[in-house]
Protein backbone atom coordinates (compact mmCIF):
# COMPACT_ATOMS: atom_id res chain seq x y z
CA MET A 1 4.77 -59.56 11.29
CA ALA A 2 6.46 -63.02 11.63
CA SER A 3 6.82 -64.11 15.13
CA PRO A 4 9.12 -67.10 15.77
CA LYS A 5 8.39 -69.55 18.55
CA LYS A 6 11.20 -67.78 20.39
CA LYS A 7 13.86 -65.47 19.49
CA LEU A 8 16.74 -66.99 17.47
CA GLN A 9 19.77 -66.55 19.86
CA GLY A 10 22.65 -68.47 21.23
CA LEU A 11 24.64 -70.84 19.07
CA VAL A 12 23.39 -71.87 15.60
CA ALA A 13 25.36 -74.61 13.72
CA ALA A 14 25.90 -73.91 10.11
CA THR A 15 25.47 -77.44 8.97
CA ILE A 16 27.69 -79.28 6.58
CA THR A 17 25.97 -81.14 3.71
CA PRO A 18 27.30 -84.61 3.88
CA MET A 19 28.35 -86.31 0.64
CA THR A 20 29.17 -89.84 -0.49
CA GLU A 21 32.45 -90.60 -2.32
CA ASN A 22 30.68 -90.12 -5.53
CA GLY A 23 29.56 -86.61 -4.73
CA GLU A 24 25.92 -87.49 -3.99
CA ILE A 25 24.28 -86.17 -0.87
CA ASN A 26 24.34 -88.66 2.01
CA PHE A 27 20.86 -88.14 3.42
CA SER A 28 21.16 -91.28 5.51
CA VAL A 29 23.44 -89.63 8.20
CA ILE A 30 21.38 -86.50 8.80
CA GLY A 31 19.21 -88.07 11.51
CA GLN A 32 22.54 -89.12 13.27
CA TYR A 33 23.90 -85.66 12.71
CA VAL A 34 20.89 -84.06 14.48
CA ASP A 35 21.35 -86.37 17.48
CA TYR A 36 25.05 -85.57 17.55
CA LEU A 37 24.53 -81.81 17.58
CA VAL A 38 21.86 -82.01 20.31
CA LYS A 39 23.33 -84.67 22.50
CA GLU A 40 27.07 -84.13 22.12
CA GLN A 41 27.31 -80.46 21.49
CA GLY A 42 24.25 -79.07 23.06
CA VAL A 43 23.26 -77.10 19.93
CA LYS A 44 19.57 -77.01 18.96
CA ASN A 45 19.52 -74.29 16.27
CA ILE A 46 20.81 -74.87 12.78
CA PHE A 47 21.40 -72.88 9.58
CA VAL A 48 21.05 -75.09 6.59
CA ASN A 49 22.31 -74.66 3.03
CA GLY A 50 24.49 -71.70 3.81
CA THR A 51 28.24 -71.33 2.88
CA THR A 52 29.26 -74.28 5.12
CA GLY A 53 26.48 -76.35 3.58
CA GLU A 54 27.49 -75.43 0.11
CA GLY A 55 23.94 -74.31 -0.67
CA LEU A 56 24.99 -72.40 -3.78
CA SER A 57 26.97 -75.50 -5.15
CA LEU A 58 23.72 -77.59 -4.99
CA SER A 59 20.90 -77.78 -7.41
CA VAL A 60 17.52 -76.38 -6.41
CA SER A 61 16.10 -79.91 -6.13
CA GLU A 62 19.03 -80.97 -3.85
CA ARG A 63 18.53 -77.85 -1.68
CA ARG A 64 14.97 -78.65 -1.34
CA ARG A 65 15.57 -82.19 -0.34
CA VAL A 66 18.34 -81.24 2.13
CA ALA A 67 15.93 -78.78 3.84
CA GLU A 68 13.26 -81.33 4.02
CA GLU A 69 15.47 -83.85 5.62
CA TRP A 70 16.73 -81.47 8.32
CA VAL A 71 13.27 -80.29 9.15
CA THR A 72 11.95 -83.81 9.30
CA LYS A 73 14.83 -85.37 11.28
CA GLY A 74 14.90 -82.32 13.50
CA LYS A 75 11.25 -82.40 14.57
CA ASP A 76 10.83 -82.46 18.27
CA LYS A 77 14.57 -82.28 18.67
CA LEU A 78 15.86 -79.02 17.39
CA ASP A 79 14.46 -75.64 18.38
CA GLN A 80 14.90 -73.73 15.14
CA VAL A 81 15.80 -74.69 11.57
CA VAL A 82 16.69 -71.74 9.48
CA ILE A 83 16.99 -72.36 5.71
CA HIS A 84 19.24 -70.24 3.56
CA VAL A 85 17.30 -69.69 0.32
CA GLY A 86 19.49 -67.07 -1.41
CA ALA A 87 20.35 -67.68 -5.12
CA LEU A 88 21.44 -65.63 -8.12
CA SER A 89 17.98 -66.11 -9.59
CA LEU A 90 15.19 -64.31 -7.83
CA LYS A 91 12.69 -66.92 -9.07
CA GLU A 92 14.77 -69.70 -7.56
CA SER A 93 15.13 -67.97 -4.35
CA GLN A 94 11.44 -67.37 -4.12
CA GLU A 95 10.76 -70.96 -4.90
CA LEU A 96 13.16 -72.08 -2.13
CA ALA A 97 11.52 -69.64 0.33
CA GLN A 98 8.06 -70.91 -0.49
CA HIS A 99 9.20 -74.48 -0.12
CA ALA A 100 10.84 -73.71 3.31
CA ALA A 101 7.43 -72.37 4.54
CA GLU A 102 5.63 -75.49 3.11
CA ILE A 103 7.97 -77.97 4.92
CA GLY A 104 7.70 -76.18 8.26
CA ALA A 105 11.06 -74.38 8.63
CA ASP A 106 11.37 -71.85 11.34
CA GLY A 107 12.92 -69.05 9.20
CA ILE A 108 14.67 -68.21 6.05
CA ALA A 109 17.86 -66.28 5.29
CA VAL A 110 19.07 -64.71 2.08
CA ILE A 111 22.45 -63.73 0.78
CA ALA A 112 22.89 -60.70 -1.62
CA PRO A 113 22.98 -61.77 -5.28
CA PHE A 114 26.60 -61.58 -6.26
CA PHE A 115 26.95 -61.83 -10.00
CA LEU A 116 24.91 -58.88 -11.20
CA LYS A 117 25.26 -57.09 -7.85
CA PRO A 118 22.82 -54.70 -6.33
CA TRP A 119 24.60 -51.32 -6.38
CA THR A 120 22.53 -49.47 -3.81
CA LYS A 121 20.73 -50.26 -0.54
CA ASP A 122 17.38 -49.79 -2.21
CA VAL A 123 18.08 -52.26 -4.98
CA LEU A 124 19.26 -54.87 -2.44
CA ILE A 125 16.20 -54.33 -0.28
CA ASN A 126 13.94 -54.78 -3.21
CA PHE A 127 15.48 -58.13 -3.99
CA LEU A 128 15.19 -59.21 -0.36
CA LYS A 129 11.66 -58.02 -0.19
CA GLU A 130 10.54 -60.03 -3.13
CA VAL A 131 12.07 -63.27 -1.62
CA ALA A 132 10.57 -62.56 1.91
CA ALA A 133 7.13 -62.09 0.29
CA ALA A 134 7.23 -65.64 -1.03
CA ALA A 135 7.11 -66.86 2.62
CA PRO A 136 5.15 -64.18 4.47
CA ALA A 137 4.68 -66.21 7.61
CA LEU A 138 8.41 -66.98 8.16
CA PRO A 139 10.92 -64.84 10.06
CA PHE A 140 13.42 -63.46 7.57
CA TYR A 141 17.16 -62.85 8.16
CA TYR A 142 19.69 -61.12 5.92
CA TYR A 143 22.89 -62.97 5.41
CA HIS A 144 25.71 -60.37 5.28
CA ILE A 145 28.91 -61.83 3.91
CA PRO A 146 30.63 -59.16 1.70
CA ALA A 147 33.92 -61.00 1.47
CA LEU A 148 32.25 -63.66 -0.72
CA THR A 149 29.48 -61.54 -2.41
CA GLY A 150 31.45 -58.50 -3.14
CA VAL A 151 28.41 -56.44 -2.07
CA LYS A 152 29.82 -53.68 0.10
CA ILE A 153 26.66 -52.06 1.35
CA ARG A 154 27.16 -51.68 4.95
CA ALA A 155 24.76 -53.65 7.14
CA GLU A 156 24.04 -50.74 9.40
CA GLU A 157 22.84 -48.75 6.40
CA LEU A 158 20.75 -51.63 5.19
CA LEU A 159 18.97 -52.11 8.49
CA ASP A 160 17.76 -48.43 8.53
CA GLY A 161 14.01 -48.69 7.96
CA ILE A 162 14.09 -52.32 6.71
CA GLN A 163 11.05 -53.47 8.60
CA ASP A 164 9.01 -50.81 6.81
CA LYS A 165 9.85 -52.73 3.60
CA ILE A 166 10.19 -56.20 4.90
CA PRO A 167 7.73 -56.70 7.82
CA THR A 168 9.01 -60.25 8.51
CA PHE A 169 12.58 -59.11 9.02
CA GLN A 170 13.84 -60.51 12.31
CA GLY A 171 17.66 -60.12 12.17
CA LEU A 172 21.00 -60.38 10.60
CA LYS A 173 23.71 -63.06 10.08
CA PHE A 174 26.75 -60.83 10.08
CA SER A 175 29.68 -62.65 8.54
CA ASP A 176 32.27 -59.96 8.31
CA THR A 177 35.20 -58.69 10.38
CA ASP A 178 34.08 -55.08 10.33
CA LEU A 179 33.26 -54.77 14.07
CA LEU A 180 32.51 -51.05 13.67
CA ASP A 181 29.67 -51.80 11.27
CA PHE A 182 28.43 -54.59 13.43
CA GLY A 183 28.47 -52.50 16.56
CA GLN A 184 26.60 -49.70 14.90
CA CYS A 185 23.92 -52.28 13.76
CA VAL A 186 23.45 -53.15 17.45
CA ASP A 187 23.64 -49.67 18.84
CA GLN A 188 21.24 -48.05 16.36
CA HIS A 189 18.65 -50.82 16.09
CA ARG A 190 18.56 -52.28 19.59
CA GLN A 191 15.00 -51.04 20.17
CA GLN A 192 13.72 -53.25 17.34
CA GLN A 193 15.09 -56.33 19.23
CA PHE A 194 16.61 -57.89 16.10
CA ALA A 195 18.64 -61.05 16.29
CA PHE A 196 22.25 -59.91 15.84
CA LEU A 197 23.92 -63.26 14.91
CA PHE A 198 27.62 -63.01 14.45
CA GLY A 199 29.25 -65.23 11.73
CA VAL A 200 32.97 -65.08 12.29
CA ASP A 201 33.61 -67.75 14.80
CA GLU A 202 37.11 -66.65 15.53
CA GLN A 203 35.98 -63.20 16.58
CA LEU A 204 32.84 -64.16 18.51
CA LEU A 205 34.09 -62.91 21.88
CA SER A 206 34.77 -59.44 20.43
CA ALA A 207 31.24 -59.50 18.88
CA LEU A 208 29.73 -60.36 22.24
CA VAL A 209 31.31 -57.24 23.67
CA MET A 210 29.65 -55.30 20.85
CA GLY A 211 26.31 -56.81 21.64
CA ALA A 212 25.81 -59.94 19.65
CA THR A 213 22.86 -61.88 20.71
CA GLY A 214 23.92 -65.18 19.07
CA ALA A 215 26.25 -66.72 16.53
CA VAL A 216 26.05 -68.78 13.36
CA GLY A 217 29.09 -70.71 12.40
CA SER A 218 30.63 -74.01 11.20
CA THR A 219 32.79 -74.62 14.29
CA TYR A 220 29.65 -75.05 16.42
CA ASN A 221 29.25 -78.41 14.72
CA TYR A 222 32.05 -79.69 16.83
CA LEU A 223 32.87 -76.94 19.32
CA GLY A 224 29.31 -76.30 20.52
CA LYS A 225 30.07 -77.29 24.13
CA LYS A 226 33.37 -75.33 24.24
CA THR A 227 31.71 -72.27 22.78
CA SER A 228 28.80 -72.56 25.15
CA GLN A 229 31.31 -72.51 27.98
CA MET A 230 32.76 -69.33 26.59
CA LEU A 231 29.36 -67.74 26.45
CA GLU A 232 28.79 -68.74 30.10
CA ALA A 233 32.12 -67.30 31.17
CA PHE A 234 31.35 -64.07 29.31
CA GLU A 235 27.98 -63.75 31.13
CA ARG A 236 29.85 -64.26 34.46
CA LYS A 237 32.33 -61.50 33.36
CA ASP A 238 35.17 -64.09 33.52
CA PHE A 239 36.85 -62.59 30.48
CA SER A 240 40.12 -64.23 30.96
CA LEU A 241 38.46 -67.73 30.84
CA ALA A 242 36.24 -66.67 27.97
CA LEU A 243 39.38 -65.62 26.00
CA ASN A 244 40.93 -69.09 26.66
CA TYR A 245 37.96 -70.76 25.13
CA GLN A 246 37.94 -68.40 22.13
CA ARG A 247 41.58 -69.42 21.37
CA TYR A 248 40.82 -73.11 21.35
CA PRO A 249 41.52 -75.16 19.38
CA LYS A 250 44.01 -74.70 16.56
CA ALA A 251 42.74 -75.84 13.16
CA MET A 252 45.35 -78.57 12.98
CA ASP A 253 43.88 -80.21 16.13
CA ILE A 254 40.34 -80.63 14.79
CA GLY A 255 40.78 -83.98 13.03
CA VAL A 256 42.44 -85.54 16.03
CA LEU A 257 40.33 -84.06 18.87
CA TYR A 258 36.90 -84.34 17.03
CA PRO A 259 37.13 -87.33 14.71
CA GLU A 260 33.32 -87.87 14.98
CA ILE A 261 32.60 -84.91 12.89
CA TYR A 262 34.00 -86.78 9.95
CA GLN A 263 31.23 -89.32 9.84
CA PHE A 264 29.11 -86.40 8.55
CA CYS A 265 31.54 -84.43 6.58
CA GLY A 266 33.94 -87.13 5.29
CA GLN A 267 33.18 -85.88 1.77
CA THR A 268 31.75 -82.59 0.53
CA ARG A 269 31.28 -81.31 -3.04
CA PHE A 270 33.52 -78.29 -2.85
CA TRP A 271 35.44 -78.10 0.37
CA SER A 272 36.70 -81.68 0.32
CA VAL A 273 40.47 -82.09 0.15
CA THR A 274 41.45 -85.70 0.94
CA ASP A 275 43.74 -85.86 3.97
CA GLN A 276 45.61 -89.10 3.68
CA SER A 277 47.54 -88.51 6.83
CA HIS A 278 44.25 -88.70 8.85
CA HIS A 279 43.26 -91.90 6.99
CA ASP A 280 46.64 -93.45 7.83
CA SER A 281 46.25 -92.47 11.49
CA GLY A 282 43.78 -95.26 12.03
CA LEU A 283 41.00 -92.97 13.14
CA TRP A 284 38.91 -93.70 10.14
CA ASP A 285 36.93 -96.75 9.00
CA SER A 286 38.69 -97.96 5.94
CA ASN A 287 35.30 -99.18 4.54
CA GLY A 288 33.70 -95.79 4.95
CA PRO A 289 34.04 -92.63 3.03
CA THR A 290 37.56 -91.23 2.58
CA PRO A 291 37.97 -88.51 5.30
CA ALA A 292 38.37 -84.90 4.15
CA SER A 293 39.95 -81.96 5.81
CA THR A 294 36.55 -80.34 5.67
CA ALA A 295 36.59 -79.08 9.23
CA GLU A 296 40.04 -77.48 8.74
CA SER A 297 39.03 -76.00 5.38
CA LEU A 298 36.00 -74.39 7.10
CA GLN A 299 38.08 -72.56 9.57
CA GLY A 300 37.69 -68.94 8.49
CA VAL A 301 34.69 -69.59 6.27
CA TYR A 302 31.70 -67.75 7.51
C-alpha cells in the first residue's frame, strides 16, 4: 500500500498554470510562485494540473513539463506535490501517472472521465484502478467534481470497498456542495484514515464541522494565511472568528488586496478575461503581461 511521507492534510493550493500573452506556459515564474506560496501564504502542499491549473486544456507534453517544473522547483521547499493526471483517454491518464512517479511526485489524483461517462460505480472504479496501477508506489486520490464531469455517482458509494480494488487509494478531493454526501464519506470511512480534502473554498468551514481533514482550492494561492487563521480559530472552537475569516474577502477585492498573485496568473489559457480597469489602476507593470481577472474568475471553481 502506498504510504506518503506524511498524511496529506491542511491547506493544499490548487496551482494556476501561468501563461504568457501568447498563450504559452510561463515556466520562468514557477520558482517564484513556490517561494510566494511558502513564504507569503504558508502553504506547502500543492495540487497541480487540476481545474484551476487548466490541466485538461493543456496538451500531454505541456502537462508533463508543468508537473516536472513544480516538482523540481518545489524540492526541499514543498511538503507534497500532488499531480492531477485525469484525462478522457485512459492511455493518456496512465502515461501521466507513470510520469508523475518517475519525476518524484508525492501523489496523483484522477477526475472521472466525462465524455463517455462511467454509468456505475464499478465502471468508474475500474477506470481509476487502471490509472492507479500505472503508478503503484504513489498515493492515489479521487477527484470528485460532479458539477463539471456530470458523473453523479455519490462519493460515499464510491468509497465503499475502494481499497480492495485500489490498494494505493489514500483519499478524496471532494469538490461538490453536497455536504450530506461528504459527511457520510467521513462518518462511514473514518477508520480507514483517508484524507478527506474539501474542494469548495466558500464552504470550507461547514466541511470542517463535517470532519474535513484538509482542503484543496484556488483561493489558498492568495488566502493561505487567512484560511490558516480560520483553521486555527476552528480548532480553538472560536466559531464566530472562524466565520469572519470564511466570509473574507469578496471576489471584487482580490485584485486590489492581492495584486502579487497576478505576477503568476496575469494570463491563463481559458480563464483569462482581460480587466482593463485593473491595468489602469497603476497596480500593474505596463511592460509585463496584461493582467487578467483570473482570481475573480476562479471564485466558485473547485
